[in-house]
């Protein structure tokens, strides 16, 4: 009886150690949220190199007007001299992690000038991230303009 009890205790101890070494969902969610924040900073700085690393090669963006952009088209729009963001802030967001997939839903506010005209937009967004070879990359984003009531 004593050896069975010891074996069960050792088995539970090993299982606990193995579970402790696995990254928790909240750790992965925190990583994705940090990448979301990096995305905002890259937009403000028009840093297409940083954005290039965050976005998967198959990235697709559905904008507030319903237009669809590939990764290269999205990056070109950020590089455009007509696009001058001064502030990009996520006001609220949540992340759900499903293994190697994460979905972020939130409210994003962007302020700046485009084609010489100032704008402030609030948008509801959904970003889909996948973990490829140990690195999180965004594969899709979609946003809807939140109109003032």
Protein backbone atom coordinates (compact mmCIF):
# COMPACT_ATOMS: atom_id res chain seq x y z
CA UNK A 1 0.00 0.00 0.00
CA UNK A 2 2.85 2.38 0.87
CA UNK A 3 4.60 1.85 -2.49
CA UNK A 4 1.34 2.54 -4.38
CA UNK A 5 0.84 5.75 -2.39
CA UNK A 6 4.43 6.83 -3.12
CA UNK A 7 4.03 6.04 -6.81
CA UNK A 8 0.82 8.09 -6.99
CA UNK A 9 2.53 11.00 -5.19
CA UNK A 10 5.51 10.89 -7.56
CA UNK A 11 3.19 10.71 -10.58
CA UNK A 12 1.19 13.71 -9.34
CA UNK A 13 4.38 15.64 -8.65
CA UNK A 14 5.75 14.96 -12.15
CA UNK A 15 2.41 15.90 -13.73
CA UNK A 16 2.37 19.16 -11.74
CA UNK A 17 5.91 19.99 -12.86
CA UNK A 18 5.03 19.28 -16.50
CA UNK A 19 1.94 21.48 -16.29
CA UNK A 20 3.91 24.28 -14.66
CA UNK A 21 6.40 24.27 -17.55
CA UNK A 22 3.66 24.72 -20.15
CA UNK A 23 2.90 28.37 -20.94
CA UNK A 24 -0.53 29.24 -19.62
CA UNK A 25 -3.25 30.70 -21.77
CA UNK A 26 -2.88 33.99 -19.92
CA UNK A 27 0.85 34.08 -20.77
CA UNK A 28 0.08 33.58 -24.46
CA UNK A 29 -2.77 36.08 -24.29
CA UNK A 30 -0.39 38.59 -22.72
CA UNK A 31 2.09 38.05 -25.53
CA UNK A 32 -0.59 38.68 -28.15
CA UNK A 33 -1.79 41.82 -26.34
CA UNK A 34 1.81 43.11 -26.26
CA UNK A 35 1.97 42.56 -30.04
CA UNK A 36 -1.28 44.50 -30.44
CA UNK A 37 0.35 47.37 -28.54
CA UNK A 38 3.47 47.12 -30.71
CA UNK A 39 1.20 47.32 -33.77
CA UNK A 40 -0.24 50.63 -32.49
CA UNK A 41 3.24 52.06 -31.93
CA UNK A 42 4.33 50.92 -35.39
CA UNK A 43 1.30 52.65 -36.94
CA UNK A 44 2.07 55.90 -35.13
CA UNK A 45 5.70 55.74 -36.28
CA UNK A 46 4.78 54.49 -39.78
CA UNK A 47 7.26 51.68 -39.08
CA UNK A 48 6.49 49.25 -41.88
CA UNK A 49 9.48 47.06 -40.96
CA UNK A 50 7.96 46.39 -37.53
CA UNK A 51 4.53 45.82 -39.09
CA UNK A 52 6.07 43.42 -41.61
CA UNK A 53 7.28 41.23 -38.72
CA UNK A 54 3.88 41.31 -36.97
CA UNK A 55 1.83 40.38 -40.05
CA UNK A 56 1.79 36.97 -41.71
CA UNK A 57 2.57 36.86 -45.43
CA UNK A 58 -1.05 35.78 -46.00
CA UNK A 59 -2.40 38.73 -43.95
CA UNK A 60 -5.73 40.20 -45.05
CA UNK A 61 -7.26 43.47 -43.85
CA UNK A 62 -10.93 44.39 -44.21
CA UNK A 63 -11.19 48.14 -43.63
CA UNK A 64 -14.08 50.26 -42.35
CA UNK A 65 -15.24 50.95 -45.93
CA UNK A 66 -15.34 47.23 -46.74
CA UNK A 67 -12.21 47.28 -48.88
CA UNK A 68 -9.87 44.30 -48.69
CA UNK A 69 -6.08 44.65 -48.64
CA UNK A 70 -3.25 42.13 -48.80
CA UNK A 71 -0.19 42.52 -46.59
CA UNK A 72 1.74 44.39 -49.31
CA UNK A 73 -1.22 46.70 -49.99
CA UNK A 74 -1.70 47.37 -46.28
CA UNK A 75 1.99 48.20 -45.79
CA UNK A 76 1.96 50.47 -48.88
CA UNK A 77 -1.01 52.39 -47.43
CA UNK A 78 0.95 52.96 -44.21
CA UNK A 79 3.99 54.20 -46.18
CA UNK A 80 1.88 56.66 -48.18
CA UNK A 81 2.77 60.31 -47.52
CA UNK A 82 -0.99 61.02 -47.48
CA UNK A 83 -1.36 58.91 -44.31
CA UNK A 84 -0.13 60.76 -41.21
CA UNK A 85 -1.34 59.14 -37.97
CA UNK A 86 -0.62 61.03 -34.76
CA UNK A 87 -2.24 58.67 -32.28
CA UNK A 88 -3.24 54.99 -32.36
CA UNK A 89 -4.74 53.66 -29.13
CA UNK A 90 -6.63 50.56 -28.18
CA UNK A 91 -9.29 51.77 -25.75
CA UNK A 92 -10.43 48.30 -24.72
CA UNK A 93 -9.78 44.76 -25.83
CA UNK A 94 -10.06 41.12 -24.88
CA UNK A 95 -8.12 38.13 -26.12
CA UNK A 96 -9.18 34.50 -26.36
CA UNK A 97 -6.47 31.93 -27.02
CA UNK A 98 -7.31 28.61 -28.66
CA UNK A 99 -4.02 26.71 -28.75
CA UNK A 100 -2.00 28.30 -31.55
CA UNK A 101 -4.79 30.74 -32.50
CA UNK A 102 -5.77 33.93 -30.70
CA UNK A 103 -8.67 36.29 -31.39
CA UNK A 104 -8.56 39.87 -30.13
CA UNK A 105 -11.74 41.96 -30.07
CA UNK A 106 -11.63 45.59 -29.08
CA UNK A 107 -12.14 49.27 -29.71
CA UNK A 108 -9.41 51.21 -31.46
CA UNK A 109 -9.07 54.98 -31.83
CA UNK A 110 -6.87 56.56 -34.44
CA UNK A 111 -6.23 60.24 -34.98
CA UNK A 112 -4.27 61.96 -37.72
CA UNK A 113 -4.51 63.50 -41.16
CA UNK A 114 -5.14 61.83 -44.47
CA UNK A 115 -4.85 63.73 -47.74
CA UNK A 116 -4.48 66.90 -45.67
CA UNK A 117 -7.73 66.43 -43.73
CA UNK A 118 -7.77 65.74 -39.98
CA UNK A 119 -9.71 62.73 -38.73
CA UNK A 120 -10.49 60.84 -35.54
CA UNK A 121 -11.97 57.37 -35.94
CA UNK A 122 -13.20 54.91 -33.34
CA UNK A 123 -13.44 51.39 -34.67
CA UNK A 124 -14.54 48.01 -33.36
CA UNK A 125 -11.96 45.48 -34.55
CA UNK A 126 -11.30 41.76 -34.64
CA UNK A 127 -7.71 40.58 -35.11
CA UNK A 128 -6.87 36.91 -35.67
CA UNK A 129 -3.37 35.75 -34.71
CA UNK A 130 -1.72 32.38 -35.31
CA UNK A 131 1.44 31.00 -33.80
CA UNK A 132 3.79 29.94 -36.62
CA UNK A 133 7.06 28.25 -35.69
CA UNK A 134 6.78 29.68 -32.17
CA UNK A 135 6.03 33.25 -33.31
CA UNK A 136 2.66 34.99 -33.17
CA UNK A 137 1.61 36.73 -36.39
CA UNK A 138 -1.63 38.43 -37.34
CA UNK A 139 -3.35 36.76 -40.29
CA UNK A 140 -6.48 38.89 -40.48
CA UNK A 141 -7.98 42.11 -39.20
CA UNK A 142 -11.37 43.63 -39.76
CA UNK A 143 -12.83 46.83 -38.42
CA UNK A 144 -16.13 48.64 -38.33
CA UNK A 145 -16.48 52.37 -37.79
CA UNK A 146 -18.25 53.31 -34.55
CA UNK A 147 -20.40 56.30 -35.37
CA UNK A 148 -21.28 58.96 -32.79
CA UNK A 149 -24.81 58.65 -31.45
